[in-house]
């Protein structure tokens, strides 16, 4: 089974992260997109992929991170270095054995080290008419 959610809505946030050894949490970023899936078998693999699109006003490092709401932890972080105001997409990928037949919930957040984070746009403007590439796909792979 597979769940896919796309979000093209323009949003802004000023919650930032500090580059260090700590994992970012929801308070460090702007929620980009969320979804959940209930595995059929605890032995199956759950694969989460996605992309957060946006830009920034003050930092040169933008990250996207996958937060596992079910277990209260960040599963993976992806980032890139960019110039201020450049529109970018940051990919996310995570895979694990589900170990449950209860609902699993995941969220992708986008953030930067300083300034304002813009989801699906920049400085008051939405890009691409709400067809931005911000999405999450959760798949259950039968084993």
N, C-alpha and C. Protein backbone atom coordinates (compact mmCIF):
# COMPACT_ATOMS: atom_id res chain seq x y z
N UNK A 1 0.84 -1.18 0.00
CA UNK A 1 0.00 0.00 0.00
C UNK A 1 0.88 1.24 0.00
N UNK A 2 0.27 2.35 -0.43
CA UNK A 2 1.03 3.58 -0.55
C UNK A 2 0.12 4.77 -0.25
N UNK A 3 0.67 5.77 0.46
CA UNK A 3 -0.04 7.03 0.73
C UNK A 3 0.81 8.16 0.18
N UNK A 4 0.17 9.09 -0.52
CA UNK A 4 0.87 10.23 -1.10
C UNK A 4 0.11 11.50 -0.77
N UNK A 5 0.81 12.51 -0.27
CA UNK A 5 0.21 13.81 0.02
C UNK A 5 1.13 14.88 -0.54
N UNK A 6 0.56 15.82 -1.30
CA UNK A 6 1.32 16.94 -1.84
C UNK A 6 0.78 18.23 -1.24
N UNK A 7 1.67 19.16 -0.96
CA UNK A 7 1.29 20.45 -0.39
C UNK A 7 1.93 21.57 -1.20
N UNK A 8 1.12 22.40 -1.81
CA UNK A 8 1.63 23.54 -2.55
C UNK A 8 1.33 24.86 -1.88
N UNK A 9 0.84 24.82 -0.65
CA UNK A 9 0.44 26.04 0.07
C UNK A 9 1.67 26.83 0.51
N UNK A 10 1.62 28.13 0.33
CA UNK A 10 2.70 29.02 0.76
C UNK A 10 2.60 29.25 2.27
N UNK A 11 3.72 29.14 2.96
CA UNK A 11 3.76 29.38 4.40
C UNK A 11 5.13 29.94 4.78
N UNK A 12 5.18 30.64 5.91
CA UNK A 12 6.45 31.16 6.41
C UNK A 12 6.62 30.77 7.87
N UNK A 13 7.87 30.73 8.29
CA UNK A 13 8.16 30.42 9.69
C UNK A 13 9.53 30.94 10.07
N UNK A 14 9.70 31.25 11.35
CA UNK A 14 10.98 31.77 11.84
C UNK A 14 11.61 30.83 12.87
N UNK A 15 11.11 29.61 12.96
CA UNK A 15 11.71 28.63 13.88
C UNK A 15 12.96 28.07 13.22
N UNK A 16 14.08 28.26 13.85
CA UNK A 16 15.36 27.88 13.26
C UNK A 16 16.04 26.77 14.06
N UNK A 17 17.09 26.22 13.47
CA UNK A 17 17.88 25.19 14.13
C UNK A 17 19.31 25.68 14.26
N UNK A 18 20.04 25.07 15.17
CA UNK A 18 21.46 25.35 15.33
C UNK A 18 22.22 24.13 14.84
N UNK A 19 23.21 24.36 13.98
CA UNK A 19 24.02 23.25 13.49
C UNK A 19 24.88 22.71 14.63
N UNK A 20 24.52 21.51 15.10
CA UNK A 20 25.29 20.85 16.15
C UNK A 20 24.97 19.36 16.09
N UNK A 21 25.25 18.63 17.15
CA UNK A 21 25.03 17.18 17.13
C UNK A 21 23.61 16.78 17.50
N UNK A 22 22.75 17.72 17.86
CA UNK A 22 21.38 17.41 18.24
C UNK A 22 20.48 17.28 17.02
N UNK A 23 19.48 16.39 17.12
CA UNK A 23 18.49 16.25 16.06
C UNK A 23 17.48 17.39 16.14
N UNK A 24 17.06 17.93 15.00
CA UNK A 24 16.00 18.95 15.04
C UNK A 24 14.67 18.31 15.43
N UNK A 25 13.82 19.08 16.07
CA UNK A 25 12.49 18.64 16.49
C UNK A 25 11.45 19.57 15.85
N UNK A 26 10.16 19.27 15.96
CA UNK A 26 9.16 20.12 15.32
C UNK A 26 9.29 21.61 15.65
N UNK A 27 9.68 21.95 16.87
CA UNK A 27 9.82 23.37 17.25
C UNK A 27 10.93 24.09 16.47
N UNK A 28 11.83 23.33 15.81
CA UNK A 28 12.93 23.93 15.06
C UNK A 28 12.60 24.21 13.61
N UNK A 29 11.38 23.95 13.17
CA UNK A 29 11.10 24.12 11.75
C UNK A 29 9.66 24.45 11.43
N UNK A 30 9.39 24.48 10.15
CA UNK A 30 8.08 24.79 9.59
C UNK A 30 7.50 23.50 9.02
N UNK A 31 6.33 23.10 9.48
CA UNK A 31 5.70 21.88 8.99
C UNK A 31 5.40 22.03 7.50
N UNK A 32 5.90 21.09 6.71
CA UNK A 32 5.71 21.12 5.27
C UNK A 32 4.57 20.21 4.83
N UNK A 33 4.54 18.98 5.36
CA UNK A 33 3.52 18.01 4.95
C UNK A 33 3.54 16.82 5.91
N UNK A 34 2.39 16.17 6.10
CA UNK A 34 2.28 15.01 7.00
C UNK A 34 1.40 13.94 6.37
N UNK A 35 1.61 12.70 6.83
CA UNK A 35 0.73 11.61 6.43
C UNK A 35 0.95 10.44 7.39
N UNK A 36 0.06 9.45 7.29
CA UNK A 36 0.19 8.26 8.13
C UNK A 36 -0.20 7.03 7.33
N UNK A 37 0.20 5.88 7.84
CA UNK A 37 -0.08 4.61 7.20
C UNK A 37 -0.16 3.54 8.28
N UNK A 38 -1.10 2.62 8.15
CA UNK A 38 -1.20 1.49 9.08
C UNK A 38 -0.71 0.24 8.38
N UNK A 39 0.45 -0.29 8.78
CA UNK A 39 1.02 -1.47 8.13
C UNK A 39 0.11 -2.69 8.27
N UNK A 40 0.15 -3.54 7.27
CA UNK A 40 -0.61 -4.79 7.28
C UNK A 40 0.13 -5.86 8.08
N UNK A 41 1.47 -5.81 8.05
CA UNK A 41 2.29 -6.78 8.77
C UNK A 41 3.44 -6.07 9.46
N UNK A 42 3.74 -6.50 10.68
CA UNK A 42 4.86 -5.93 11.43
C UNK A 42 6.20 -6.28 10.81
N UNK A 43 6.23 -7.29 9.95
CA UNK A 43 7.47 -7.71 9.29
C UNK A 43 7.77 -6.92 8.02
N UNK A 44 6.80 -6.18 7.53
CA UNK A 44 6.98 -5.43 6.29
C UNK A 44 7.84 -4.19 6.50
N UNK A 45 8.41 -3.71 5.40
CA UNK A 45 9.25 -2.52 5.40
C UNK A 45 8.38 -1.30 5.11
N UNK A 46 8.61 -0.23 5.86
CA UNK A 46 7.96 1.05 5.59
C UNK A 46 9.02 1.98 5.00
N UNK A 47 8.69 2.52 3.83
CA UNK A 47 9.60 3.44 3.13
C UNK A 47 8.93 4.80 3.05
N UNK A 48 9.65 5.83 3.50
CA UNK A 48 9.13 7.20 3.45
C UNK A 48 10.06 8.02 2.57
N UNK A 49 9.47 8.67 1.58
CA UNK A 49 10.24 9.58 0.73
C UNK A 49 9.47 10.88 0.59
N UNK A 50 10.17 11.92 0.28
CA UNK A 50 9.50 13.21 0.14
C UNK A 50 10.46 14.29 -0.28
N UNK A 51 9.90 15.49 -0.41
CA UNK A 51 10.70 16.63 -0.80
C UNK A 51 10.03 17.88 -0.24
N UNK A 52 10.83 18.75 0.35
CA UNK A 52 10.34 20.04 0.83
C UNK A 52 10.92 21.12 -0.06
N UNK A 53 10.06 22.00 -0.56
CA UNK A 53 10.48 23.07 -1.46
C UNK A 53 10.35 24.41 -0.77
N UNK A 54 11.35 25.26 -0.94
CA UNK A 54 11.26 26.57 -0.33
C UNK A 54 12.53 27.38 -0.50
N UNK A 55 12.59 28.45 0.28
CA UNK A 55 13.75 29.35 0.24
C UNK A 55 13.92 29.99 1.61
N UNK A 56 14.90 30.88 1.72
CA UNK A 56 15.20 31.46 3.02
C UNK A 56 15.56 32.93 2.90
N UNK A 57 15.59 33.62 4.05
CA UNK A 57 15.93 35.04 4.05
C UNK A 57 17.24 35.34 4.74
N UNK A 58 17.78 34.41 5.50
CA UNK A 58 18.93 34.79 6.30
C UNK A 58 20.05 33.79 6.41
N UNK A 59 19.78 32.53 6.18
CA UNK A 59 20.83 31.53 6.34
C UNK A 59 21.30 31.01 5.01
N UNK A 60 22.36 30.25 5.04
CA UNK A 60 22.84 29.64 3.81
C UNK A 60 22.68 28.13 3.82
N UNK A 61 22.21 27.58 4.94
CA UNK A 61 21.97 26.14 5.03
C UNK A 61 20.49 25.91 5.26
N UNK A 62 19.86 25.16 4.37
CA UNK A 62 18.46 24.80 4.52
C UNK A 62 18.39 23.29 4.73
N UNK A 63 17.53 22.87 5.67
CA UNK A 63 17.37 21.44 5.92
C UNK A 63 15.90 21.05 5.80
N UNK A 64 15.70 19.79 5.53
CA UNK A 64 14.39 19.16 5.68
C UNK A 64 14.63 17.96 6.58
N UNK A 65 13.67 17.67 7.44
CA UNK A 65 13.83 16.51 8.31
C UNK A 65 12.51 15.79 8.48
N UNK A 66 12.64 14.47 8.65
CA UNK A 66 11.48 13.60 8.80
C UNK A 66 11.27 13.32 10.28
N UNK A 67 10.12 13.74 10.79
CA UNK A 67 9.79 13.52 12.19
C UNK A 67 8.78 12.39 12.29
N UNK A 68 9.09 11.41 13.12
CA UNK A 68 8.23 10.26 13.38
C UNK A 68 7.35 10.63 14.57
N UNK A 69 6.12 11.04 14.31
CA UNK A 69 5.21 11.47 15.38
C UNK A 69 4.79 10.31 16.27
N UNK A 70 4.75 9.11 15.73
CA UNK A 70 4.36 7.93 16.50
C UNK A 70 5.35 7.66 17.62
N UNK A 71 6.64 7.77 17.32
CA UNK A 71 7.69 7.46 18.30
C UNK A 71 8.38 8.70 18.86
N UNK A 72 7.99 9.88 18.41
CA UNK A 72 8.52 11.12 18.96
C UNK A 72 10.00 11.34 18.70
N UNK A 73 10.45 11.04 17.47
CA UNK A 73 11.86 11.23 17.16
C UNK A 73 12.05 11.63 15.69
N UNK A 74 13.13 12.32 15.43
CA UNK A 74 13.51 12.66 14.06
C UNK A 74 14.26 11.47 13.48
N UNK A 75 13.85 11.02 12.30
CA UNK A 75 14.43 9.82 11.69
C UNK A 75 15.56 10.13 10.73
N UNK A 76 15.48 11.21 10.00
CA UNK A 76 16.55 11.55 9.05
C UNK A 76 16.53 13.04 8.76
N UNK A 77 17.71 13.58 8.43
CA UNK A 77 17.86 15.00 8.11
C UNK A 77 18.61 15.11 6.79
N UNK A 78 18.17 16.00 5.94
CA UNK A 78 18.84 16.25 4.67
C UNK A 78 19.00 17.75 4.51
N UNK A 79 20.09 18.19 3.94
CA UNK A 79 20.29 19.63 3.82
C UNK A 79 21.11 20.01 2.62
N UNK A 80 21.15 21.32 2.37
CA UNK A 80 21.97 21.85 1.30
C UNK A 80 22.38 23.26 1.62
N UNK A 81 23.44 23.70 0.97
CA UNK A 81 23.93 25.05 1.12
C UNK A 81 23.44 25.87 -0.07
N UNK A 82 22.90 27.04 0.20
CA UNK A 82 22.32 27.86 -0.86
C UNK A 82 22.53 29.33 -0.57
N UNK A 83 22.26 30.12 -1.56
CA UNK A 83 22.30 31.56 -1.38
C UNK A 83 20.95 32.05 -0.90
N UNK A 84 20.92 33.19 -0.25
CA UNK A 84 19.68 33.74 0.28
C UNK A 84 18.71 34.01 -0.87
N UNK A 85 17.50 33.53 -0.71
CA UNK A 85 16.45 33.78 -1.69
C UNK A 85 16.35 32.76 -2.80
N UNK A 86 17.28 31.83 -2.91
CA UNK A 86 17.20 30.82 -3.96
C UNK A 86 16.13 29.80 -3.61
N UNK A 87 15.31 29.42 -4.58
CA UNK A 87 14.26 28.41 -4.39
C UNK A 87 14.89 27.04 -4.59
N UNK A 88 14.69 26.16 -3.62
CA UNK A 88 15.33 24.84 -3.65
C UNK A 88 14.37 23.75 -3.20
N UNK A 89 14.72 22.53 -3.53
CA UNK A 89 14.01 21.36 -3.03
C UNK A 89 15.00 20.49 -2.28
N UNK A 90 14.60 20.06 -1.08
CA UNK A 90 15.45 19.23 -0.23
C UNK A 90 14.79 17.85 -0.12
N UNK A 91 15.48 16.80 -0.58
CA UNK A 91 14.89 15.46 -0.56
C UNK A 91 15.00 14.78 0.81
N UNK A 92 14.07 13.86 1.06
CA UNK A 92 14.06 13.05 2.29
C UNK A 92 13.85 11.60 1.90
N UNK A 93 14.57 10.70 2.58
CA UNK A 93 14.38 9.28 2.35
C UNK A 93 14.65 8.53 3.65
N UNK A 94 13.75 7.59 3.99
CA UNK A 94 13.91 6.77 5.20
C UNK A 94 13.24 5.43 4.96
N UNK A 95 13.84 4.37 5.49
CA UNK A 95 13.29 3.03 5.33
C UNK A 95 13.59 2.22 6.59
N UNK A 96 12.58 1.44 7.05
CA UNK A 96 12.76 0.62 8.25
C UNK A 96 11.69 -0.46 8.29
N UNK A 97 11.96 -1.52 9.02
CA UNK A 97 10.94 -2.54 9.28
C UNK A 97 9.88 -1.89 10.16
N UNK A 98 8.60 -2.12 9.86
CA UNK A 98 7.53 -1.42 10.57
C UNK A 98 7.44 -1.83 12.05
N UNK A 99 7.63 -3.11 12.37
CA UNK A 99 7.56 -3.62 13.75
C UNK A 99 6.22 -3.36 14.43
N UNK A 100 5.17 -3.06 13.66
CA UNK A 100 3.86 -2.79 14.25
C UNK A 100 2.77 -2.95 13.19
N UNK A 101 1.54 -3.11 13.66
CA UNK A 101 0.39 -3.05 12.77
C UNK A 101 -0.52 -1.89 13.20
N UNK A 102 0.05 -0.98 13.99
CA UNK A 102 -0.64 0.25 14.40
C UNK A 102 -0.23 1.39 13.46
N UNK A 103 -1.01 2.43 13.45
CA UNK A 103 -0.76 3.57 12.57
C UNK A 103 0.61 4.21 12.84
N UNK A 104 1.33 4.52 11.76
CA UNK A 104 2.60 5.24 11.82
C UNK A 104 2.39 6.60 11.19
N UNK A 105 2.80 7.67 11.88
CA UNK A 105 2.62 9.04 11.38
C UNK A 105 3.97 9.72 11.20
N UNK A 106 4.13 10.35 10.04
CA UNK A 106 5.38 11.03 9.72
C UNK A 106 5.08 12.44 9.21
N UNK A 107 6.01 13.35 9.51
CA UNK A 107 5.90 14.73 9.04
C UNK A 107 7.24 15.19 8.51
N UNK A 108 7.22 15.97 7.46
CA UNK A 108 8.44 16.60 6.94
C UNK A 108 8.40 18.07 7.33
N UNK A 109 9.49 18.51 7.93
CA UNK A 109 9.67 19.91 8.31
C UNK A 109 10.79 20.51 7.47
N UNK A 110 10.74 21.83 7.28
CA UNK A 110 11.79 22.55 6.58
C UNK A 110 12.28 23.66 7.49
N UNK A 111 13.58 23.95 7.48
CA UNK A 111 14.12 24.96 8.37
C UNK A 111 15.46 25.47 7.84
N UNK A 112 15.97 26.48 8.51
CA UNK A 112 17.28 27.03 8.18
C UNK A 112 17.94 27.51 9.47
N UNK A 113 19.17 27.93 9.35
CA UNK A 113 19.94 28.32 10.53
C UNK A 113 19.58 29.70 11.06
N UNK A 114 19.08 30.60 10.21
CA UNK A 114 18.73 31.96 10.65
C UNK A 114 17.74 32.58 9.67
N UNK A 115 16.96 33.52 10.17
CA UNK A 115 16.04 34.24 9.30
C UNK A 115 14.70 33.55 9.14
N UNK A 116 14.01 33.84 8.04
CA UNK A 116 12.69 33.30 7.76
C UNK A 116 12.77 32.18 6.75
N UNK A 117 12.02 31.12 7.00
CA UNK A 117 11.91 30.00 6.06
C UNK A 117 10.62 30.19 5.28
N UNK A 118 10.69 30.03 3.97
CA UNK A 118 9.53 30.16 3.10
C UNK A 118 9.24 28.80 2.46
N UNK A 119 8.07 28.25 2.71
CA UNK A 119 7.66 26.99 2.11
C UNK A 119 6.92 27.28 0.81
N UNK A 120 7.37 26.67 -0.27
CA UNK A 120 6.74 26.79 -1.60
C UNK A 120 6.73 28.21 -2.15
N UNK A 121 7.74 29.00 -1.77
CA UNK A 121 7.81 30.37 -2.29
C UNK A 121 8.95 31.15 -1.66
N UNK A 122 8.87 32.49 -1.81
CA UNK A 122 9.88 33.35 -1.22
C UNK A 122 9.31 34.74 -0.97
N UNK A 123 9.57 35.29 0.21
CA UNK A 123 9.30 36.68 0.59
C UNK A 123 7.94 37.19 0.14
N UNK A 124 6.90 36.52 0.57
CA UNK A 124 5.55 37.00 0.29
C UNK A 124 4.95 36.50 -1.01
N UNK A 125 5.67 35.67 -1.73
CA UNK A 125 5.16 35.19 -3.02
C UNK A 125 5.19 33.67 -3.10
N UNK A 126 4.07 33.11 -3.47
CA UNK A 126 3.99 31.67 -3.71
C UNK A 126 4.53 31.40 -5.11
N UNK A 127 5.32 30.37 -5.25
CA UNK A 127 5.87 30.01 -6.56
C UNK A 127 5.04 28.91 -7.21
N UNK A 128 4.97 28.93 -8.50
CA UNK A 128 4.40 27.86 -9.32
C UNK A 128 2.93 27.58 -9.06
N UNK A 129 2.16 28.61 -8.69
CA UNK A 129 0.71 28.49 -8.60
C UNK A 129 0.21 27.34 -7.76
N UNK A 130 0.78 27.13 -6.61
CA UNK A 130 0.44 26.07 -5.64
C UNK A 130 0.69 24.66 -6.15
N UNK A 131 1.53 24.53 -7.15
CA UNK A 131 1.89 23.19 -7.62
C UNK A 131 3.29 22.83 -7.16
N UNK A 132 3.75 23.43 -6.07
CA UNK A 132 5.07 23.17 -5.52
C UNK A 132 5.32 21.69 -5.29
N UNK A 133 6.57 21.32 -5.28
CA UNK A 133 6.95 19.91 -5.23
C UNK A 133 7.02 19.35 -3.81
N UNK A 134 6.51 20.06 -2.81
CA UNK A 134 6.55 19.54 -1.45
C UNK A 134 5.59 18.37 -1.32
N UNK A 135 6.14 17.20 -0.96
CA UNK A 135 5.30 16.01 -0.85
C UNK A 135 5.89 15.00 0.12
N UNK A 136 5.04 14.05 0.54
CA UNK A 136 5.47 12.89 1.31
C UNK A 136 4.79 11.66 0.73
N UNK A 137 5.54 10.58 0.62
CA UNK A 137 5.00 9.30 0.17
C UNK A 137 5.43 8.25 1.19
N UNK A 138 4.45 7.53 1.72
CA UNK A 138 4.73 6.44 2.66
C UNK A 138 4.26 5.16 1.99
N UNK A 139 5.18 4.19 1.90
CA UNK A 139 4.88 2.92 1.24
C UNK A 139 5.16 1.77 2.18
N UNK A 140 4.32 0.75 2.10
CA UNK A 140 4.58 -0.49 2.82
C UNK A 140 5.03 -1.51 1.79
N UNK A 141 6.21 -2.06 2.00
CA UNK A 141 6.81 -3.03 1.09
C UNK A 141 6.65 -4.41 1.71
N UNK A 142 5.94 -5.28 1.01
CA UNK A 142 5.72 -6.64 1.51
C UNK A 142 7.01 -7.45 1.46
N UNK A 143 7.30 -8.17 2.54
CA UNK A 143 8.49 -9.04 2.55
C UNK A 143 8.09 -10.49 2.66
